[in-house]
PDB file of N, CA and C in Angstrom:
ATOM      1  N   MET A   1      12.507  13.789  -7.469  1.00  0.00           N
ATOM      2  CA  MET A   1      13.810  13.269  -6.997  1.00  0.00           C
ATOM      3  C   MET A   1      14.214  12.135  -7.892  1.00  0.00           C
ATOM      4  N   ASN A   2      15.364  12.166  -8.482  1.00  0.00           N
ATOM      5  CA  ASN A   2      15.861  11.170  -9.382  1.00  0.00           C
ATOM      6  C   ASN A   2      16.895  10.348  -8.677  1.00  0.00           C
ATOM      7  N   LYS A   3      16.537   9.102  -8.352  1.00  0.00           N
ATOM      8  CA  LYS A   3      17.525   8.242  -7.639  1.00  0.00           C
ATOM      9  C   LYS A   3      18.056   7.208  -8.596  1.00  0.00           C
ATOM     10  N   LYS A   4      19.353   6.916  -8.412  1.00  0.00           N
ATOM     11  CA  LYS A   4      20.003   5.942  -9.216  1.00  0.00           C
ATOM     12  C   LYS A   4      19.605   4.554  -8.718  1.00  0.00           C
ATOM     13  N   LEU A   5      19.156   3.721  -9.658  1.00  0.00           N
ATOM     14  CA  LEU A   5      18.794   2.346  -9.307  1.00  0.00           C
ATOM     15  C   LEU A   5      19.923   1.386  -9.742  1.00  0.00           C
ATOM     16  N   ILE A   6      20.164   0.412  -8.933  1.00  0.00           N
ATOM     17  CA  ILE A   6      21.203  -0.603  -9.240  1.00  0.00           C
ATOM     18  C   ILE A   6      20.614  -2.020  -9.058  1.00  0.00           C
ATOM     19  N   THR A   7      21.198  -2.915  -9.764  1.00  0.00           N
ATOM     20  CA  THR A   7      20.848  -4.336  -9.741  1.00  0.00           C
ATOM     21  C   THR A   7      21.606  -5.050  -8.588  1.00  0.00           C
ATOM     22  N   VAL A   8      21.117  -6.268  -8.382  1.00  0.00           N
ATOM     23  CA  VAL A   8      21.802  -7.131  -7.418  1.00  0.00           C
ATOM     24  C   VAL A   8      23.226  -7.328  -7.822  1.00  0.00           C
ATOM     25  N   LYS A   9      23.476  -7.568  -9.108  1.00  0.00           N
ATOM     26  CA  LYS A   9      24.848  -7.753  -9.588  1.00  0.00           C
ATOM     27  C   LYS A   9      25.731  -6.548  -9.277  1.00  0.00           C
ATOM     28  N   GLU A  10      25.196  -5.352  -9.493  1.00  0.00           N
ATOM     29  CA  GLU A  10      25.949  -4.154  -9.209  1.00  0.00           C
ATOM     30  C   GLU A  10      26.207  -3.978  -7.701  1.00  0.00           C
ATOM     31  N   ILE A  11      25.240  -4.358  -6.882  1.00  0.00           N
ATOM     32  CA  ILE A  11      25.435  -4.325  -5.405  1.00  0.00           C
ATOM     33  C   ILE A  11      26.583  -5.255  -5.057  1.00  0.00           C
ATOM     34  N   VAL A  12      26.556  -6.487  -5.557  1.00  0.00           N
ATOM     35  CA  VAL A  12      27.615  -7.474  -5.287  1.00  0.00           C
ATOM     36  C   VAL A  12      28.991  -6.956  -5.632  1.00  0.00           C
ATOM     37  N   ASN A  13      29.070  -6.347  -6.783  1.00  0.00           N
ATOM     38  CA  ASN A  13      30.400  -5.826  -7.259  1.00  0.00           C
ATOM     39  C   ASN A  13      30.801  -4.595  -6.497  1.00  0.00           C
ATOM     40  N   LYS A  14      29.870  -3.671  -6.361  1.00  0.00           N
ATOM     41  CA  LYS A  14      30.231  -2.347  -5.743  1.00  0.00           C
ATOM     42  C   LYS A  14      30.492  -2.410  -4.242  1.00  0.00           C
ATOM     43  N   PHE A  15      29.744  -3.263  -3.512  1.00  0.00           N
ATOM     44  CA  PHE A  15      29.833  -3.283  -2.060  1.00  0.00           C
ATOM     45  C   PHE A  15      30.542  -4.559  -1.518  1.00  0.00           C
ATOM     46  N   ASN A  16      31.007  -5.408  -2.449  1.00  0.00           N
ATOM     47  CA  ASN A  16      31.797  -6.579  -2.051  1.00  0.00           C
ATOM     48  C   ASN A  16      31.026  -7.481  -1.086  1.00  0.00           C
ATOM     49  N   ILE A  17      29.760  -7.769  -1.380  1.00  0.00           N
ATOM     50  CA  ILE A  17      29.002  -8.771  -0.604  1.00  0.00           C
ATOM     51  C   ILE A  17      28.498  -9.801  -1.599  1.00  0.00           C
ATOM     52  N   THR A  18      28.049 -10.912  -1.102  1.00  0.00           N
ATOM     53  CA  THR A  18      27.625 -11.995  -1.969  1.00  0.00           C
ATOM     54  C   THR A  18      26.148 -11.801  -2.445  1.00  0.00           C
ATOM     55  N   PHE A  19      25.831 -12.460  -3.521  1.00  0.00           N
ATOM     56  CA  PHE A  19      24.446 -12.535  -3.998  1.00  0.00           C
ATOM     57  C   PHE A  19      23.534 -13.045  -2.913  1.00  0.00           C
ATOM     58  N   GLN A  20      23.998 -14.099  -2.230  1.00  0.00           N
ATOM     59  CA  GLN A  20      23.205 -14.700  -1.172  1.00  0.00           C
ATOM     60  C   GLN A  20      22.933 -13.704   0.015  1.00  0.00           C
ATOM     61  N   THR A  21      23.934 -12.875   0.270  1.00  0.00           N
ATOM     62  CA  THR A  21      23.760 -11.851   1.317  1.00  0.00           C
ATOM     63  C   THR A  21      22.694 -10.846   0.917  1.00  0.00           C
ATOM     64  N   VAL A  22      22.720 -10.413  -0.308  1.00  0.00           N
ATOM     65  CA  VAL A  22      21.688  -9.428  -0.794  1.00  0.00           C
ATOM     66  C   VAL A  22      20.317 -10.106  -0.705  1.00  0.00           C
ATOM     67  N   ASN A  23      20.233 -11.349  -1.153  1.00  0.00           N
ATOM     68  CA  ASN A  23      18.895 -12.045  -1.008  1.00  0.00           C
ATOM     69  C   ASN A  23      18.460 -12.183   0.398  1.00  0.00           C
ATOM     70  N   HIS A  24      19.353 -12.545   1.258  1.00  0.00           N
ATOM     71  CA  HIS A  24      19.047 -12.748   2.696  1.00  0.00           C
ATOM     72  C   HIS A  24      18.573 -11.416   3.289  1.00  0.00           C
ATOM     73  N   TYR A  25      19.319 -10.347   3.054  1.00  0.00           N
ATOM     74  CA  TYR A  25      18.923  -9.045   3.588  1.00  0.00           C
ATOM     75  C   TYR A  25      17.622  -8.577   2.998  1.00  0.00           C
ATOM     76  N   THR A  26      17.342  -8.877   1.744  1.00  0.00           N
ATOM     77  CA  THR A  26      16.105  -8.490   1.106  1.00  0.00           C
ATOM     78  C   THR A  26      14.940  -9.283   1.751  1.00  0.00           C
ATOM     79  N   ASN A  27      15.117 -10.571   1.958  1.00  0.00           N
ATOM     80  CA  ASN A  27      14.102 -11.404   2.566  1.00  0.00           C
ATOM     81  C   ASN A  27      13.811 -11.049   3.963  1.00  0.00           C
ATOM     82  N   LEU A  28      14.836 -10.543   4.680  1.00  0.00           N
ATOM     83  CA  LEU A  28      14.596 -10.056   6.052  1.00  0.00           C
ATOM     84  C   LEU A  28      13.980  -8.709   6.103  1.00  0.00           C
ATOM     85  N   GLY A  29      13.969  -8.029   5.016  1.00  0.00           N
ATOM     86  CA  GLY A  29      13.433  -6.644   5.012  1.00  0.00           C
ATOM     87  C   GLY A  29      14.493  -5.593   5.281  1.00  0.00           C
ATOM     88  N   LEU A  30      15.725  -5.950   5.334  1.00  0.00           N
ATOM     89  CA  LEU A  30      16.824  -4.971   5.586  1.00  0.00           C
ATOM     90  C   LEU A  30      17.158  -4.195   4.321  1.00  0.00           C
ATOM     91  N   LEU A  31      16.944  -4.747   3.161  1.00  0.00           N
ATOM     92  CA  LEU A  31      17.086  -3.998   1.910  1.00  0.00           C
ATOM     93  C   LEU A  31      15.773  -4.048   1.193  1.00  0.00           C
ATOM     94  N   SER A  32      15.383  -2.929   0.586  1.00  0.00           N
ATOM     95  CA  SER A  32      14.095  -2.829  -0.052  1.00  0.00           C
ATOM     96  C   SER A  32      14.207  -2.733  -1.619  1.00  0.00           C
ATOM     97  N   VAL A  33      13.460  -3.529  -2.273  1.00  0.00           N
ATOM     98  CA  VAL A  33      13.414  -3.459  -3.732  1.00  0.00           C
ATOM     99  C   VAL A  33      12.569  -2.292  -4.094  1.00  0.00           C
ATOM    100  N   VAL A  34      13.090  -1.348  -4.970  1.00  0.00           N
ATOM    101  CA  VAL A  34      12.355  -0.193  -5.385  1.00  0.00           C
ATOM    102  C   VAL A  34      11.369  -0.589  -6.499  1.00  0.00           C
ATOM    103  N   THR A  35      11.834  -1.383  -7.456  1.00  0.00           N
ATOM    104  CA  THR A  35      11.018  -1.827  -8.536  1.00  0.00           C
ATOM    105  C   THR A  35      11.609  -3.061  -9.130  1.00  0.00           C
ATOM    106  N   LYS A  36      10.887  -3.729 -10.009  1.00  0.00           N
ATOM    107  CA  LYS A  36      11.371  -4.889 -10.788  1.00  0.00           C
ATOM    108  C   LYS A  36      11.177  -4.619 -12.204  1.00  0.00           C
ATOM    109  N   LYS A  37      12.147  -5.021 -13.045  1.00  0.00           N
ATOM    110  CA  LYS A  37      12.014  -4.955 -14.490  1.00  0.00           C
ATOM    111  C   LYS A  37      12.168  -6.409 -14.948  1.00  0.00           C
ATOM    112  N   GLY A  38      11.073  -7.076 -15.241  1.00  0.00           N
ATOM    113  CA  GLY A  38      11.137  -8.479 -15.601  1.00  0.00           C
ATOM    114  C   GLY A  38      11.530  -9.235 -14.351  1.00  0.00           C
ATOM    115  N   ASN A  39      12.582  -9.936 -14.477  1.00  0.00           N
ATOM    116  CA  ASN A  39      13.090 -10.824 -13.305  1.00  0.00           C
ATOM    117  C   ASN A  39      14.254 -10.067 -12.626  1.00  0.00           C
ATOM    118  N   VAL A  40      14.482  -8.769 -12.891  1.00  0.00           N
ATOM    119  CA  VAL A  40      15.615  -8.045 -12.298  1.00  0.00           C
ATOM    120  C   VAL A  40      15.077  -7.088 -11.201  1.00  0.00           C
ATOM    121  N   ARG A  41      15.645  -7.261  -9.976  1.00  0.00           N
ATOM    122  CA  ARG A  41      15.247  -6.389  -8.890  1.00  0.00           C
ATOM    123  C   ARG A  41      16.123  -5.148  -8.912  1.00  0.00           C
ATOM    124  N   LEU A  42      15.586  -4.012  -8.735  1.00  0.00           N
ATOM    125  CA  LEU A  42      16.315  -2.762  -8.689  1.00  0.00           C
ATOM    126  C   LEU A  42      16.189  -2.130  -7.285  1.00  0.00           C
ATOM    127  N   TYR A  43      17.304  -1.665  -6.804  1.00  0.00           N
ATOM    128  CA  TYR A  43      17.397  -1.021  -5.470  1.00  0.00           C
ATOM    129  C   TYR A  43      17.951   0.405  -5.663  1.00  0.00           C
ATOM    130  N   GLY A  44      17.559   1.241  -4.703  1.00  0.00           N
ATOM    131  CA  GLY A  44      18.124   2.576  -4.707  1.00  0.00           C
ATOM    132  C   GLY A  44      19.557   2.556  -4.206  1.00  0.00           C
ATOM    133  N   GLU A  45      20.486   3.105  -4.967  1.00  0.00           N
ATOM    134  CA  GLU A  45      21.876   2.995  -4.571  1.00  0.00           C
ATOM    135  C   GLU A  45      22.198   3.660  -3.259  1.00  0.00           C
ATOM    136  N   THR A  46      21.701   4.867  -3.060  1.00  0.00           N
ATOM    137  CA  THR A  46      21.983   5.592  -1.831  1.00  0.00           C
ATOM    138  C   THR A  46      21.438   4.853  -0.627  1.00  0.00           C
ATOM    139  N   GLU A  47      20.209   4.367  -0.739  1.00  0.00           N
ATOM    140  CA  GLU A  47      19.620   3.533   0.365  1.00  0.00           C
ATOM    141  C   GLU A  47      20.398   2.298   0.677  1.00  0.00           C
ATOM    142  N   VAL A  48      20.875   1.601  -0.379  1.00  0.00           N
ATOM    143  CA  VAL A  48      21.691   0.403  -0.196  1.00  0.00           C
ATOM    144  C   VAL A  48      22.985   0.807   0.547  1.00  0.00           C
ATOM    145  N   ARG A  49      23.667   1.808   0.068  1.00  0.00           N
ATOM    146  CA  ARG A  49      24.920   2.271   0.711  1.00  0.00           C
ATOM    147  C   ARG A  49      24.750   2.504   2.226  1.00  0.00           C
ATOM    148  N   GLU A  50      23.697   3.323   2.451  1.00  0.00           N
ATOM    149  CA  GLU A  50      23.435   3.733   3.886  1.00  0.00           C
ATOM    150  C   GLU A  50      23.035   2.518   4.745  1.00  0.00           C
ATOM    151  N   ARG A  51      22.142   1.692   4.191  1.00  0.00           N
ATOM    152  CA  ARG A  51      21.705   0.553   4.951  1.00  0.00           C
ATOM    153  C   ARG A  51      22.834  -0.483   5.217  1.00  0.00           C
ATOM    154  N   LEU A  52      23.687  -0.723   4.210  1.00  0.00           N
ATOM    155  CA  LEU A  52      24.773  -1.661   4.474  1.00  0.00           C
ATOM    156  C   LEU A  52      25.770  -1.100   5.473  1.00  0.00           C
ATOM    157  N   ALA A  53      25.964   0.239   5.480  1.00  0.00           N
ATOM    158  CA  ALA A  53      26.851   0.853   6.449  1.00  0.00           C
ATOM    159  C   ALA A  53      26.275   0.649   7.876  1.00  0.00           C
ATOM    160  N   GLN A  54      24.959   0.799   8.006  1.00  0.00           N
ATOM    161  CA  GLN A  54      24.275   0.625   9.275  1.00  0.00           C
ATOM    162  C   GLN A  54      24.350  -0.806   9.781  1.00  0.00           C
ATOM    163  N   ILE A  55      24.090  -1.739   8.837  1.00  0.00           N
ATOM    164  CA  ILE A  55      24.148  -3.162   9.163  1.00  0.00           C
ATOM    165  C   ILE A  55      25.563  -3.578   9.590  1.00  0.00           C
ATOM    166  N   THR A  56      26.586  -3.122   8.853  1.00  0.00           N
ATOM    167  CA  THR A  56      27.954  -3.469   9.165  1.00  0.00           C
ATOM    168  C   THR A  56      28.321  -2.923  10.549  1.00  0.00           C
ATOM    169  N   ARG A  57      27.949  -1.703  10.838  1.00  0.00           N
ATOM    170  CA  ARG A  57      28.245  -1.138  12.120  1.00  0.00           C
ATOM    171  C   ARG A  57      27.568  -1.898  13.265  1.00  0.00           C
ATOM    172  N   LEU A  58      26.308  -2.213  13.117  1.00  0.00           N
ATOM    173  CA  LEU A  58      25.568  -2.919  14.175  1.00  0.00           C
ATOM    174  C   LEU A  58      26.070  -4.329  14.342  1.00  0.00           C
ATOM    175  N   VAL A  59      26.422  -5.052  13.251  1.00  0.00           N
ATOM    176  CA  VAL A  59      26.948  -6.386  13.376  1.00  0.00           C
ATOM    177  C   VAL A  59      28.298  -6.326  14.145  1.00  0.00           C
ATOM    178  N   SER A  60      29.120  -5.308  13.838  1.00  0.00           N
ATOM    179  CA  SER A  60      30.402  -5.169  14.541  1.00  0.00           C
ATOM    180  C   SER A  60      30.259  -4.863  16.056  1.00  0.00           C
ATOM    181  N   GLU A  61      29.088  -4.234  16.380  1.00  0.00           N
ATOM    182  CA  GLU A  61      28.734  -4.033  17.808  1.00  0.00           C
ATOM    183  C   GLU A  61      28.125  -5.232  18.476  1.00  0.00           C
ATOM    184  N   GLY A  62      27.924  -6.307  17.713  1.00  0.00           N
ATOM    185  CA  GLY A  62      27.434  -7.549  18.302  1.00  0.00           C
ATOM    186  C   GLY A  62      25.970  -7.821  18.193  1.00  0.00           C
ATOM    187  N   TYR A  63      25.231  -6.992  17.446  1.00  0.00           N
ATOM    188  CA  TYR A  63      23.810  -7.207  17.223  1.00  0.00           C
ATOM    189  C   TYR A  63      23.600  -8.395  16.246  1.00  0.00           C
ATOM    190  N   SER A  64      22.515  -9.150  16.440  1.00  0.00           N
ATOM    191  CA  SER A  64      22.155 -10.201  15.498  1.00  0.00           C
ATOM    192  C   SER A  64      21.331  -9.585  14.417  1.00  0.00           C
ATOM    193  N   LEU A  65      21.157 -10.246  13.296  1.00  0.00           N
ATOM    194  CA  LEU A  65      20.395  -9.720  12.175  1.00  0.00           C
ATOM    195  C   LEU A  65      18.947  -9.539  12.587  1.00  0.00           C
ATOM    196  N   GLY A  66      18.432 -10.402  13.449  1.00  0.00           N
ATOM    197  CA  GLY A  66      17.059 -10.273  13.910  1.00  0.00           C
ATOM    198  C   GLY A  66      16.877  -8.986  14.692  1.00  0.00           C
ATOM    199  N   LEU A  67      17.797  -8.636  15.558  1.00  0.00           N
ATOM    200  CA  LEU A  67      17.762  -7.375  16.311  1.00  0.00           C
ATOM    201  C   LEU A  67      17.955  -6.142  15.405  1.00  0.00           C
ATOM    202  N   ILE A  68      18.882  -6.321  14.410  1.00  0.00           N
ATOM    203  CA  ILE A  68      19.092  -5.238  13.501  1.00  0.00           C
ATOM    204  C   ILE A  68      17.845  -4.984  12.714  1.00  0.00           C
ATOM    205  N   ARG A  69      17.163  -6.043  12.297  1.00  0.00           N
ATOM    206  CA  ARG A  69      15.874  -5.848  11.546  1.00  0.00           C
ATOM    207  C   ARG A  69      14.929  -5.095  12.393  1.00  0.00           C
ATOM    208  N   LYS A  70      14.733  -5.455  13.636  1.00  0.00           N
ATOM    209  CA  LYS A  70      13.772  -4.783  14.506  1.00  0.00           C
ATOM    210  C   LYS A  70      14.136  -3.321  14.647  1.00  0.00           C
ATOM    211  N   LYS A  71      15.430  -3.078  14.763  1.00  0.00           N
ATOM    212  CA  LYS A  71      15.947  -1.678  14.969  1.00  0.00           C
ATOM    213  C   LYS A  71      15.771  -0.830  13.715  1.00  0.00           C
ATOM    214  N   LEU A  72      16.145  -1.360  12.522  1.00  0.00           N
ATOM    215  CA  LEU A  72      16.170  -0.598  11.328  1.00  0.00           C
ATOM    216  C   LEU A  72      14.837  -0.515  10.634  1.00  0.00           C
ATOM    217  N   VAL A  73      14.060  -1.612  10.609  1.00  0.00           N
ATOM    218  CA  VAL A  73      12.789  -1.620  10.005  1.00  0.00           C
ATOM    219  C   VAL A  73      11.813  -0.722  10.747  1.00  0.00           C
ATOM    220  N   GLY A  74      12.004  -0.576  12.012  1.00  0.00           N
ATOM    221  CA  GLY A  74      11.184   0.308  12.824  1.00  0.00           C
ATOM    222  C   GLY A  74      11.472   1.742  12.528  1.00  0.00           C
ATOM    223  N   LEU A  75      12.592   2.023  11.904  1.00  0.00           N
ATOM    224  CA  LEU A  75      12.931   3.450  11.563  1.00  0.00           C
ATOM    225  C   LEU A  75      12.270   3.948  10.342  1.00  0.00           C
ATOM    226  N   ARG A  76      11.799   3.062   9.463  1.00  0.00           N
ATOM    227  CA  ARG A  76      11.135   3.572   8.275  1.00  0.00           C
ATOM    228  C   ARG A  76       9.639   3.093   8.254  1.00  0.00           C
ATOM    229  N   SER A  77       8.832   3.796   7.585  1.00  0.00           N
ATOM    230  CA  SER A  77       7.476   3.400   7.538  1.00  0.00           C
ATOM    231  C   SER A  77       7.273   2.390   6.411  1.00  0.00           C
ATOM    232  N   ILE A  78       6.538   1.380   6.751  1.00  0.00           N
ATOM    233  CA  ILE A  78       6.350   0.258   5.805  1.00  0.00           C
ATOM    234  C   ILE A  78       4.864   0.323   5.295  1.00  0.00           C
TER     235      ILE A  78
END
């Protein structure tokens, strides 16, 4: 399976969120780094798109990021 990898800068530009938001979501475990090349983190584009859609939906429903983390991180095997 060949997945397209994108950088934090590409996430910021493509999905209209801030660098700090990407870092925060990564630190919370809401976004997963696929690999690193030097000091550059690479994420799977499809996973980022799907996860940001889930986060946006749950935030609009009133869930806190802590609850979203419990809900979404529990869905994938770590």
